[in-house]
PDB file of all heavy atoms in Angstrom:
ATOM      1  N   ASP A   1      36.288 -18.610 -78.421  1.00  0.00           N
ATOM      2  CA  ASP A   1      35.215 -17.695 -78.009  1.00  0.00           C
ATOM      3  C   ASP A   1      33.873 -18.419 -77.992  1.00  0.00           C
ATOM      4  O   ASP A   1      33.091 -18.286 -77.044  1.00  0.00           O
ATOM      5  CB  ASP A   1      35.139 -16.494 -78.958  1.00  0.00           C
ATOM      6  CG  ASP A   1      36.410 -15.658 -78.954  1.00  0.00           C
ATOM      7  OD1 ASP A   1      37.170 -15.732 -77.968  1.00  0.00           O
ATOM      8  OD2 ASP A   1      36.637 -14.935 -79.945  1.00  0.00           O
ATOM      9  N   ALA A   2      33.593 -19.181 -79.041  1.00  0.00           N
ATOM     10  CA  ALA A   2      32.343 -19.943 -79.093  1.00  0.00           C
ATOM     11  C   ALA A   2      32.323 -21.050 -78.044  1.00  0.00           C
ATOM     12  O   ALA A   2      31.266 -21.402 -77.514  1.00  0.00           O
ATOM     13  CB  ALA A   2      32.154 -20.537 -80.481  1.00  0.00           C
ATOM     14  N   HIS A   3      33.496 -21.588 -77.719  1.00  0.00           N
ATOM     15  CA  HIS A   3      33.590 -22.624 -76.684  1.00  0.00           C
ATOM     16  C   HIS A   3      33.109 -22.082 -75.346  1.00  0.00           C
ATOM     17  O   HIS A   3      32.462 -22.797 -74.566  1.00  0.00           O
ATOM     18  CB  HIS A   3      35.045 -23.084 -76.579  1.00  0.00           C
ATOM     19  CG  HIS A   3      35.266 -24.237 -75.659  1.00  0.00           C
ATOM     20  ND1 HIS A   3      35.468 -24.092 -74.299  1.00  0.00           N
ATOM     21  CD2 HIS A   3      35.343 -25.583 -75.891  1.00  0.00           C
ATOM     22  CE1 HIS A   3      35.655 -25.270 -73.742  1.00  0.00           C
ATOM     23  NE2 HIS A   3      35.580 -26.203 -74.687  1.00  0.00           N
ATOM     24  N   GLU A   4      33.409 -20.820 -75.056  1.00  0.00           N
ATOM     25  CA  GLU A   4      32.990 -20.213 -73.790  1.00  0.00           C
ATOM     26  C   GLU A   4      31.537 -19.752 -73.831  1.00  0.00           C
ATOM     27  O   GLU A   4      30.968 -19.409 -72.797  1.00  0.00           O
ATOM     28  CB  GLU A   4      33.917 -19.056 -73.438  1.00  0.00           C
ATOM     29  CG  GLU A   4      35.351 -19.501 -73.205  1.00  0.00           C
ATOM     30  CD  GLU A   4      35.428 -20.667 -72.210  1.00  0.00           C
ATOM     31  OE1 GLU A   4      35.379 -20.414 -70.988  1.00  0.00           O
ATOM     32  OE2 GLU A   4      35.524 -21.835 -72.663  1.00  0.00           O
ATOM     33  N   ASN A   5      30.929 -19.728 -75.004  1.00  0.00           N
ATOM     34  CA  ASN A   5      29.504 -19.438 -75.143  1.00  0.00           C
ATOM     35  C   ASN A   5      28.734 -20.752 -75.039  1.00  0.00           C
ATOM     36  O   ASN A   5      28.029 -21.172 -75.950  1.00  0.00           O
ATOM     37  CB  ASN A   5      29.234 -18.752 -76.488  1.00  0.00           C
ATOM     38  CG  ASN A   5      27.787 -18.385 -76.693  1.00  0.00           C
ATOM     39  OD1 ASN A   5      27.022 -18.297 -75.729  1.00  0.00           O
ATOM     40  ND2 ASN A   5      27.406 -18.185 -77.937  1.00  0.00           N
ATOM     41  N   ALA A   6      28.909 -21.432 -73.889  1.00  0.00           N
ATOM     42  CA  ALA A   6      28.378 -22.782 -73.715  1.00  0.00           C
ATOM     43  C   ALA A   6      27.043 -22.749 -72.985  1.00  0.00           C
ATOM     44  O   ALA A   6      26.778 -21.862 -72.168  1.00  0.00           O
ATOM     45  CB  ALA A   6      29.373 -23.641 -72.943  1.00  0.00           C
ATOM     46  N   SER A   7      26.226 -23.757 -73.294  1.00  0.00           N
ATOM     47  CA  SER A   7      24.893 -23.804 -72.721  1.00  0.00           C
ATOM     48  C   SER A   7      24.374 -25.232 -72.751  1.00  0.00           C
ATOM     49  O   SER A   7      24.781 -26.040 -73.594  1.00  0.00           O
ATOM     50  CB  SER A   7      23.944 -22.898 -73.516  1.00  0.00           C
ATOM     51  OG  SER A   7      22.592 -23.135 -73.185  1.00  0.00           O
ATOM     52  N   GLU A   8      23.451 -25.537 -71.823  1.00  0.00           N
ATOM     53  CA  GLU A   8      22.754 -26.820 -71.885  1.00  0.00           C
ATOM     54  C   GLU A   8      21.925 -26.925 -73.164  1.00  0.00           C
ATOM     55  O   GLU A   8      21.652 -28.027 -73.648  1.00  0.00           O
ATOM     56  CB  GLU A   8      21.821 -26.974 -70.685  1.00  0.00           C
ATOM     57  CG  GLU A   8      22.517 -27.052 -69.339  1.00  0.00           C
ATOM     58  CD  GLU A   8      21.518 -27.153 -68.199  1.00  0.00           C
ATOM     59  OE1 GLU A   8      20.587 -27.990 -68.309  1.00  0.00           O
ATOM     60  OE2 GLU A   8      21.651 -26.392 -67.222  1.00  0.00           O
ATOM     61  N   ALA A   9      21.514 -25.781 -73.701  1.00  0.00           N
ATOM     62  CA  ALA A   9      20.651 -25.771 -74.883  1.00  0.00           C
ATOM     63  C   ALA A   9      21.427 -25.961 -76.180  1.00  0.00           C
ATOM     64  O   ALA A   9      20.823 -26.100 -77.246  1.00  0.00           O
ATOM     65  CB  ALA A   9      19.872 -24.455 -74.949  1.00  0.00           C
ATOM     66  N   GLY A  10      22.750 -25.951 -76.112  1.00  0.00           N
ATOM     67  CA  GLY A  10      23.533 -26.108 -77.324  1.00  0.00           C
ATOM     68  C   GLY A  10      23.386 -27.503 -77.905  1.00  0.00           C
ATOM     69  O   GLY A  10      23.408 -28.502 -77.178  1.00  0.00           O
ATOM     70  N   ARG A  11      23.210 -27.610 -79.225  1.00  0.00           N
ATOM     71  CA  ARG A  11      23.095 -28.889 -79.929  1.00  0.00           C
ATOM     72  C   ARG A  11      22.189 -29.855 -79.158  1.00  0.00           C
ATOM     73  O   ARG A  11      22.660 -30.864 -78.615  1.00  0.00           O
ATOM     74  CB  ARG A  11      24.478 -29.490 -80.161  1.00  0.00           C
ATOM     75  CG  ARG A  11      25.310 -28.701 -81.152  1.00  0.00           C
ATOM     76  CD  ARG A  11      26.711 -29.265 -81.337  1.00  0.00           C
ATOM     77  NE  ARG A  11      26.715 -30.591 -81.903  1.00  0.00           N
ATOM     78  CZ  ARG A  11      26.624 -30.882 -83.206  1.00  0.00           C
ATOM     79  NH1 ARG A  11      26.496 -29.896 -84.099  1.00  0.00           N
ATOM     80  NH2 ARG A  11      26.663 -32.131 -83.632  1.00  0.00           N
ATOM     81  N   PRO A  12      20.874 -29.594 -79.117  1.00  0.00           N
ATOM     82  CA  PRO A  12      19.973 -30.398 -78.277  1.00  0.00           C
ATOM     83  C   PRO A  12      19.872 -31.863 -78.683  1.00  0.00           C
ATOM     84  O   PRO A  12      19.468 -32.701 -77.881  1.00  0.00           O
ATOM     85  CB  PRO A  12      18.621 -29.688 -78.448  1.00  0.00           C
ATOM     86  CG  PRO A  12      18.737 -28.933 -79.734  1.00  0.00           C
ATOM     87  CD  PRO A  12      20.175 -28.514 -79.823  1.00  0.00           C
ATOM     88  N   HIS A  13      20.260 -32.193 -79.911  1.00  0.00           N
ATOM     89  CA  HIS A  13      20.209 -33.570 -80.373  1.00  0.00           C
ATOM     90  C   HIS A  13      21.433 -34.375 -79.949  1.00  0.00           C
ATOM     91  O   HIS A  13      21.461 -35.595 -80.091  1.00  0.00           O
ATOM     92  CB  HIS A  13      20.115 -33.597 -81.903  1.00  0.00           C
ATOM     93  CG  HIS A  13      21.247 -32.880 -82.567  1.00  0.00           C
ATOM     94  ND1 HIS A  13      21.357 -31.505 -82.557  1.00  0.00           N
ATOM     95  CD2 HIS A  13      22.324 -33.331 -83.248  1.00  0.00           C
ATOM     96  CE1 HIS A  13      22.452 -31.149 -83.213  1.00  0.00           C
ATOM     97  NE2 HIS A  13      23.063 -32.237 -83.628  1.00  0.00           N
ATOM     98  N   GLN A  14      22.470 -33.707 -79.448  1.00  0.00           N
ATOM     99  CA  GLN A  14      23.751 -34.369 -79.177  1.00  0.00           C
ATOM    100  C   GLN A  14      23.796 -34.903 -77.751  1.00  0.00           C
ATOM    101  O   GLN A  14      23.467 -34.190 -76.805  1.00  0.00           O
ATOM    102  CB  GLN A  14      24.892 -33.372 -79.404  1.00  0.00           C
ATOM    103  CG  GLN A  14      26.284 -33.947 -79.167  1.00  0.00           C
ATOM    104  CD  GLN A  14      27.370 -32.947 -79.500  1.00  0.00           C
ATOM    105  OE1 GLN A  14      27.472 -32.486 -80.622  1.00  0.00           O
ATOM    106  NE2 GLN A  14      28.188 -32.590 -78.511  1.00  0.00           N
ATOM    107  N   ARG A  15      24.269 -36.142 -77.597  1.00  0.00           N
ATOM    108  CA  ARG A  15      24.349 -36.791 -76.286  1.00  0.00           C
ATOM    109  C   ARG A  15      25.666 -36.438 -75.606  1.00  0.00           C
ATOM    110  O   ARG A  15      26.664 -37.138 -75.742  1.00  0.00           O
ATOM    111  CB  ARG A  15      24.203 -38.299 -76.422  1.00  0.00           C
ATOM    112  CG  ARG A  15      22.821 -38.745 -76.862  1.00  0.00           C
ATOM    113  CD  ARG A  15      22.715 -40.252 -76.900  1.00  0.00           C
ATOM    114  NE  ARG A  15      22.837 -40.859 -75.575  1.00  0.00           N
ATOM    115  CZ  ARG A  15      22.814 -42.178 -75.352  1.00  0.00           C
ATOM    116  NH1 ARG A  15      22.685 -43.013 -76.373  1.00  0.00           N
ATOM    117  NH2 ARG A  15      22.926 -42.655 -74.131  1.00  0.00           N
ATOM    118  N   GLY A  16      25.681 -35.353 -74.904  1.00  0.00           N
ATOM    119  CA  GLY A  16      26.836 -34.938 -74.119  1.00  0.00           C
ATOM    120  C   GLY A  16      27.876 -34.201 -74.929  1.00  0.00           C
ATOM    121  O   GLY A  16      27.889 -34.268 -76.144  1.00  0.00           O
ATOM    122  N   PRO A  17      28.710 -33.457 -74.183  1.00  0.00           N
ATOM    123  CA  PRO A  17      28.731 -33.285 -72.732  1.00  0.00           C
ATOM    124  C   PRO A  17      27.595 -32.379 -72.248  1.00  0.00           C
ATOM    125  O   PRO A  17      26.790 -31.917 -73.051  1.00  0.00           O
ATOM    126  CB  PRO A  17      30.091 -32.646 -72.481  1.00  0.00           C
ATOM    127  CG  PRO A  17      30.368 -31.864 -73.736  1.00  0.00           C
ATOM    128  CD  PRO A  17      29.781 -32.692 -74.852  1.00  0.00           C
ATOM    129  N   PHE A  18      27.558 -32.109 -70.948  1.00  0.00           N
ATOM    130  CA  PHE A  18      26.437 -31.390 -70.362  1.00  0.00           C
ATOM    131  C   PHE A  18      26.294 -29.991 -70.963  1.00  0.00           C
ATOM    132  O   PHE A  18      25.192 -29.576 -71.344  1.00  0.00           O
ATOM    133  CB  PHE A  18      26.628 -31.306 -68.845  1.00  0.00           C
ATOM    134  CG  PHE A  18      25.524 -30.573 -68.138  1.00  0.00           C
ATOM    135  CD1 PHE A  18      24.240 -31.108 -68.106  1.00  0.00           C
ATOM    136  CD2 PHE A  18      25.752 -29.368 -67.495  1.00  0.00           C
ATOM    137  CE1 PHE A  18      23.202 -30.441 -67.452  1.00  0.00           C
ATOM    138  CE2 PHE A  18      24.733 -28.695 -66.849  1.00  0.00           C
ATOM    139  CZ  PHE A  18      23.454 -29.234 -66.824  1.00  0.00           C
ATOM    140  N   LEU A  19      27.379 -29.244 -71.022  1.00  0.00           N
ATOM    141  CA  LEU A  19      27.383 -27.916 -71.638  1.00  0.00           C
ATOM    142  C   LEU A  19      28.073 -28.000 -72.994  1.00  0.00           C
ATOM    143  O   LEU A  19      29.129 -28.616 -73.114  1.00  0.00           O
ATOM    144  CB  LEU A  19      28.116 -26.899 -70.754  1.00  0.00           C
ATOM    145  CG  LEU A  19      27.538 -26.649 -69.364  1.00  0.00           C
ATOM    146  CD1 LEU A  19      28.434 -25.692 -68.584  1.00  0.00           C
ATOM    147  CD2 LEU A  19      26.124 -26.098 -69.455  1.00  0.00           C
ATOM    148  N   LYS A  20      27.488 -27.355 -73.982  1.00  0.00           N
ATOM    149  CA  LYS A  20      28.056 -27.398 -75.336  1.00  0.00           C
ATOM    150  C   LYS A  20      28.187 -25.980 -75.877  1.00  0.00           C
ATOM    151  O   LYS A  20      27.283 -25.164 -75.737  1.00  0.00           O
ATOM    152  CB  LYS A  20      27.174 -28.252 -76.258  1.00  0.00           C
ATOM    153  CG  LYS A  20      27.089 -29.713 -75.813  1.00  0.00           C
ATOM    154  CD  LYS A  20      26.183 -30.522 -76.689  1.00  0.00           C
ATOM    155  CE  LYS A  20      24.765 -30.583 -76.243  1.00  0.00           C
ATOM    156  NZ  LYS A  20      24.456 -31.026 -74.930  1.00  0.00           N
ATOM    157  N   GLY A  21      29.335 -25.713 -76.478  1.00  0.00           N
ATOM    158  CA  GLY A  21      29.590 -24.396 -77.040  1.00  0.00           C
ATOM    159  C   GLY A  21      28.812 -24.156 -78.321  1.00  0.00           C
ATOM    160  O   GLY A  21      28.025 -24.997 -78.769  1.00  0.00           O
ATOM    161  N   ALA A  22      29.053 -23.001 -78.918  1.00  0.00           N
ATOM    162  CA  ALA A  22      28.333 -22.593 -80.124  1.00  0.00           C
ATOM    163  C   ALA A  22      29.078 -23.047 -81.374  1.00  0.00           C
ATOM    164  O   ALA A  22      30.267 -23.347 -81.339  1.00  0.00           O
ATOM    165  CB  ALA A  22      28.163 -21.080 -80.151  1.00  0.00           C
ATOM    166  N   ARG A  23      28.358 -23.079 -82.477  1.00  0.00           N
ATOM    167  CA  ARG A  23      28.972 -23.460 -83.747  1.00  0.00           C
ATOM    168  C   ARG A  23      29.781 -22.307 -84.340  1.00  0.00           C
ATOM    169  O   ARG A  23      30.897 -22.497 -84.813  1.00  0.00           O
ATOM    170  CB  ARG A  23      27.895 -23.902 -84.739  1.00  0.00           C
ATOM    171  CG  ARG A  23      28.451 -24.314 -86.109  1.00  0.00           C
ATOM    172  CD  ARG A  23      27.330 -24.709 -87.060  1.00  0.00           C
ATOM    173  NE  ARG A  23      27.829 -25.093 -88.362  1.00  0.00           N
ATOM    174  CZ  ARG A  23      28.142 -26.330 -88.717  1.00  0.00           C
ATOM    175  NH1 ARG A  23      28.025 -27.307 -87.836  1.00  0.00           N
ATOM    176  NH2 ARG A  23      28.586 -26.610 -89.927  1.00  0.00           N
ATOM    177  N   THR A  24      29.203 -21.124 -84.332  1.00  0.00           N
ATOM    178  CA  THR A  24      29.855 -19.995 -84.995  1.00  0.00           C
ATOM    179  C   THR A  24      30.723 -19.218 -84.012  1.00  0.00           C
ATOM    180  O   THR A  24      30.505 -19.230 -82.795  1.00  0.00           O
ATOM    181  CB  THR A  24      28.826 -19.053 -85.636  1.00  0.00           C
ATOM    182  OG1 THR A  24      27.923 -18.578 -84.628  1.00  0.00           O
ATOM    183  CG2 THR A  24      28.037 -19.772 -86.708  1.00  0.00           C
ATOM    184  N   SER A  25      31.693 -18.510 -84.563  1.00  0.00           N
ATOM    185  CA  SER A  25      32.645 -17.753 -83.761  1.00  0.00           C
ATOM    186  C   SER A  25      32.014 -16.462 -83.258  1.00  0.00           C
ATOM    187  O   SER A  25      30.867 -16.128 -83.584  1.00  0.00           O
ATOM    188  CB  SER A  25      33.879 -17.428 -84.599  1.00  0.00           C
ATOM    189  OG  SER A  25      33.556 -16.434 -85.568  1.00  0.00           O
ATOM    190  N   ALA A  26      32.777 -15.704 -82.472  1.00  0.00           N
ATOM    191  CA  ALA A  26      32.290 -14.417 -81.970  1.00  0.00           C
ATOM    192  C   ALA A  26      32.040 -13.430 -83.110  1.00  0.00           C
ATOM    193  O   ALA A  26      31.279 -12.477 -82.942  1.00  0.00           O
ATOM    194  CB  ALA A  26      33.293 -13.826 -80.980  1.00  0.00           C
ATOM    195  N   GLN A  27      32.648 -13.660 -84.268  1.00  0.00           N
ATOM    196  CA  GLN A  27      32.364 -12.847 -85.450  1.00  0.00           C
ATOM    197  C   GLN A  27      31.094 -13.277 -86.164  1.00  0.00           C
ATOM    198  O   GLN A  27      30.664 -12.619 -87.104  1.00  0.00           O
ATOM    199  CB  GLN A  27      33.519 -12.954 -86.467  1.00  0.00           C
ATOM    200  CG  GLN A  27      34.767 -12.172 -86.140  1.00  0.00           C
ATOM    201  CD  GLN A  27      35.854 -12.455 -87.152  1.00  0.00           C
ATOM    202  OE1 GLN A  27      36.581 -13.434 -87.031  1.00  0.00           O
ATOM    203  NE2 GLN A  27      35.974 -11.599 -88.148  1.00  0.00           N
ATOM    204  N   GLY A  28      30.510 -14.394 -85.733  1.00  0.00           N
ATOM    205  CA  GLY A  28      29.365 -14.946 -86.432  1.00  0.00           C
ATOM    206  C   GLY A  28      29.754 -15.762 -87.642  1.00  0.00           C
ATOM    207  O   GLY A  28      28.938 -15.973 -88.543  1.00  0.00           O
ATOM    208  N   LEU A  29      31.003 -16.265 -87.667  1.00  0.00           N
ATOM    209  CA  LEU A  29      31.501 -17.037 -88.802  1.00  0.00           C
ATOM    210  C   LEU A  29      31.515 -18.523 -88.474  1.00  0.00           C
ATOM    211  O   LEU A  29      31.811 -18.921 -87.346  1.00  0.00           O
ATOM    212  CB  LEU A  29      32.928 -16.599 -89.163  1.00  0.00           C
ATOM    213  CG  LEU A  29      33.130 -15.160 -89.621  1.00  0.00           C
ATOM    214  CD1 LEU A  29      34.614 -14.898 -89.861  1.00  0.00           C
ATOM    215  CD2 LEU A  29      32.325 -14.870 -90.872  1.00  0.00           C
ATOM    216  N   ASP A  30      31.226 -19.328 -89.466  1.00  0.00           N
ATOM    217  CA  ASP A  30      31.494 -20.759 -89.393  1.00  0.00           C
ATOM    218  C   ASP A  30      32.959 -20.937 -89.794  1.00  0.00           C
ATOM    219  O   ASP A  30      33.315 -20.770 -90.960  1.00  0.00           O
ATOM    220  CB  ASP A  30      30.572 -21.522 -90.343  1.00  0.00           C
ATOM    221  CG  ASP A  30      30.737 -23.037 -90.227  1.00  0.00           C
ATOM    222  OD1 ASP A  30      31.832 -23.494 -89.852  1.00  0.00           O
ATOM    223  OD2 ASP A  30      29.774 -23.755 -90.539  1.00  0.00           O
ATOM    224  N   LEU A  31      33.803 -21.254 -88.829  1.00  0.00           N
ATOM    225  CA  LEU A  31      35.247 -21.293 -89.110  1.00  0.00           C
ATOM    226  C   LEU A  31      35.609 -22.377 -90.111  1.00  0.00           C
ATOM    227  O   LEU A  31      36.634 -22.261 -90.789  1.00  0.00           O
ATOM    228  CB  LEU A  31      36.037 -21.481 -87.809  1.00  0.00           C
ATOM    229  CG  LEU A  31      35.895 -20.367 -86.764  1.00  0.00           C
ATOM    230  CD1 LEU A  31      36.884 -20.583 -85.639  1.00  0.00           C
ATOM    231  CD2 LEU A  31      36.080 -18.988 -87.383  1.00  0.00           C
ATOM    232  N   ASN A  32      34.790 -23.416 -90.215  1.00  0.00           N
ATOM    233  CA  ASN A  32      35.076 -24.431 -91.230  1.00  0.00           C
ATOM    234  C   ASN A  32      34.475 -24.066 -92.586  1.00  0.00           C
ATOM    235  O   ASN A  32      34.195 -24.933 -93.410  1.00  0.00           O
ATOM    236  CB  ASN A  32      34.588 -25.812 -90.806  1.00  0.00           C
ATOM    237  CG  ASN A  32      35.280 -26.912 -91.589  1.00  0.00           C
ATOM    238  OD1 ASN A  32      36.415 -26.756 -92.044  1.00  0.00           O
ATOM    239  ND2 ASN A  32      34.598 -28.039 -91.774  1.00  0.00           N
ATOM    240  N   ARG A  33      34.300 -22.797 -92.821  1.00  0.00           N
ATOM    241  CA  ARG A  33      33.990 -22.260 -94.147  1.00  0.00           C
ATOM    242  C   ARG A  33      34.922 -21.092 -94.466  1.00  0.00           C
ATOM    243  O   ARG A  33      34.711 -20.367 -95.431  1.00  0.00           O
ATOM    244  CB  ARG A  33      32.533 -21.757 -94.223  1.00  0.00           C
ATOM    245  CG  ARG A  33      31.468 -22.760 -93.824  1.00  0.00           C
ATOM    246  CD  ARG A  33      31.407 -23.941 -94.766  1.00  0.00           C
ATOM    247  NE  ARG A  33      30.295 -24.833 -94.413  1.00  0.00           N
ATOM    248  CZ  ARG A  33      30.372 -25.818 -93.531  1.00  0.00           C
ATOM    249  NH1 ARG A  33      31.508 -26.059 -92.890  1.00  0.00           N
ATOM    250  NH2 ARG A  33      29.324 -26.591 -93.278  1.00  0.00           N
ATOM    251  N   ASP A  34      35.984 -20.941 -93.669  1.00  0.00           N
ATOM    252  CA  ASP A  34      36.805 -19.725 -93.745  1.00  0.00           C
ATOM    253  C   ASP A  34      38.220 -19.965 -94.239  1.00  0.00           C
ATOM    254  O   ASP A  34      39.039 -19.052 -94.258  1.00  0.00           O
ATOM    255  CB  ASP A  34      36.854 -19.055 -92.356  1.00  0.00           C
ATOM    256  CG  ASP A  34      37.417 -17.648 -92.410  1.00  0.00           C
ATOM    257  OD1 ASP A  34      37.004 -16.880 -93.299  1.00  0.00           O
ATOM    258  OD2 ASP A  34      38.286 -17.324 -91.578  1.00  0.00           O
ATOM    259  N   TYR A  35      38.546 -21.178 -94.667  1.00  0.00           N
ATOM    260  CA  TYR A  35      39.933 -21.451 -95.031  1.00  0.00           C
ATOM    261  C   TYR A  35      40.371 -20.689 -96.278  1.00  0.00           C
ATOM    262  O   TYR A  35      41.536 -20.319 -96.399  1.00  0.00           O
ATOM    263  CB  TYR A  35      40.149 -22.952 -95.221  1.00  0.00           C
ATOM    264  CG  TYR A  35      40.334 -23.682 -93.920  1.00  0.00           C
ATOM    265  CD1 TYR A  35      39.240 -24.018 -93.128  1.00  0.00           C
ATOM    266  CD2 TYR A  35      41.595 -24.032 -93.455  1.00  0.00           C
ATOM    267  CE1 TYR A  35      39.398 -24.688 -91.929  1.00  0.00           C
ATOM    268  CE2 TYR A  35      41.766 -24.698 -92.260  1.00  0.00           C
ATOM    269  CZ  TYR A  35      40.660 -25.023 -91.495  1.00  0.00           C
ATOM    270  OH  TYR A  35      40.822 -25.678 -90.298  1.00  0.00           O
ATOM    271  N   ALA A  36      39.489 -20.450 -97.210  1.00  0.00           N
ATOM    272  CA  ALA A  36      39.861 -19.668 -98.385  1.00  0.00           C
ATOM    273  C   ALA A  36      39.875 -18.180 -98.074  1.00  0.00           C
ATOM    274  O   ALA A  36      40.775 -17.449 -98.471  1.00  0.00           O
ATOM    275  CB  ALA A  36      38.906 -19.964 -99.543  1.00  0.00           C
ATOM    276  N   ARG A  37      38.877 -17.707 -97.338  1.00  0.00           N
ATOM    277  CA  ARG A  37      38.728 -16.268 -97.095  1.00  0.00           C
ATOM    278  C   ARG A  37      39.695 -15.735 -96.046  1.00  0.00           C
ATOM    279  O   ARG A  37      40.140 -14.599 -96.130  1.00  0.00           O
ATOM    280  CB  ARG A  37      37.296 -15.959 -96.642  1.00  0.00           C
ATOM    281  CG  ARG A  37      36.242 -16.263 -97.679  1.00  0.00           C
ATOM    282  CD  ARG A  37      34.856 -15.947 -97.135  1.00  0.00           C
ATOM    283  NE  ARG A  37      34.562 -16.716 -95.916  1.00  0.00           N
ATOM    284  CZ  ARG A  37      33.420 -16.623 -95.246  1.00  0.00           C
ATOM    285  NH1 ARG A  37      32.484 -15.784 -95.649  1.00  0.00           N
ATOM    286  NH2 ARG A  37      33.216 -17.359 -94.167  1.00  0.00           N
ATOM    287  N   LEU A  38      39.955 -16.529 -95.007  1.00  0.00           N
ATOM    288  CA  LEU A  38      40.784 -16.101 -93.867  1.00  0.00           C
ATOM    289  C   LEU A  38      40.263 -14.808 -93.254  1.00  0.00           C
ATOM    290  O   LEU A  38      41.023 -13.899 -92.930  1.00  0.00           O
ATOM    291  CB  LEU A  38      42.256 -15.934 -94.288  1.00  0.00           C
ATOM    292  CG  LEU A  38      42.966 -17.180 -94.826  1.00  0.00           C
ATOM    293  CD1 LEU A  38      44.442 -16.897 -95.056  1.00  0.00           C
ATOM    294  CD2 LEU A  38      42.788 -18.372 -93.888  1.00  0.00           C
ATOM    295  N   GLN A  39      38.959 -14.739 -93.031  1.00  0.00           N
ATOM    296  CA  GLN A  39      38.383 -13.566 -92.388  1.00  0.00           C
ATOM    297  C   GLN A  39      38.459 -13.641 -90.868  1.00  0.00           C
ATOM    298  O   GLN A  39      38.274 -12.633 -90.192  1.00  0.00           O
ATOM    299  CB  GLN A  39      36.919 -13.410 -92.813  1.00  0.00           C
ATOM    300  CG  GLN A  39      36.753 -13.018 -94.280  1.00  0.00           C
ATOM    301  CD  GLN A  39      35.309 -12.782 -94.657  1.00  0.00           C
ATOM    302  OE1 GLN A  39      34.405 -13.407 -94.100  1.00  0.00           O
ATOM    303  NE2 GLN A  39      35.090 -11.894 -95.589  1.00  0.00           N
TER     304      GLN A  39
END
């Protein structure tokens, strides 16, 4: 879901690719903080 929320403005410090998705999921979660909770 966050992958499809892509924009040129995503991660402005990162060199490519042209469009970059979002960090957090459609739930507003950082998925790499969810392994214990499984929300």
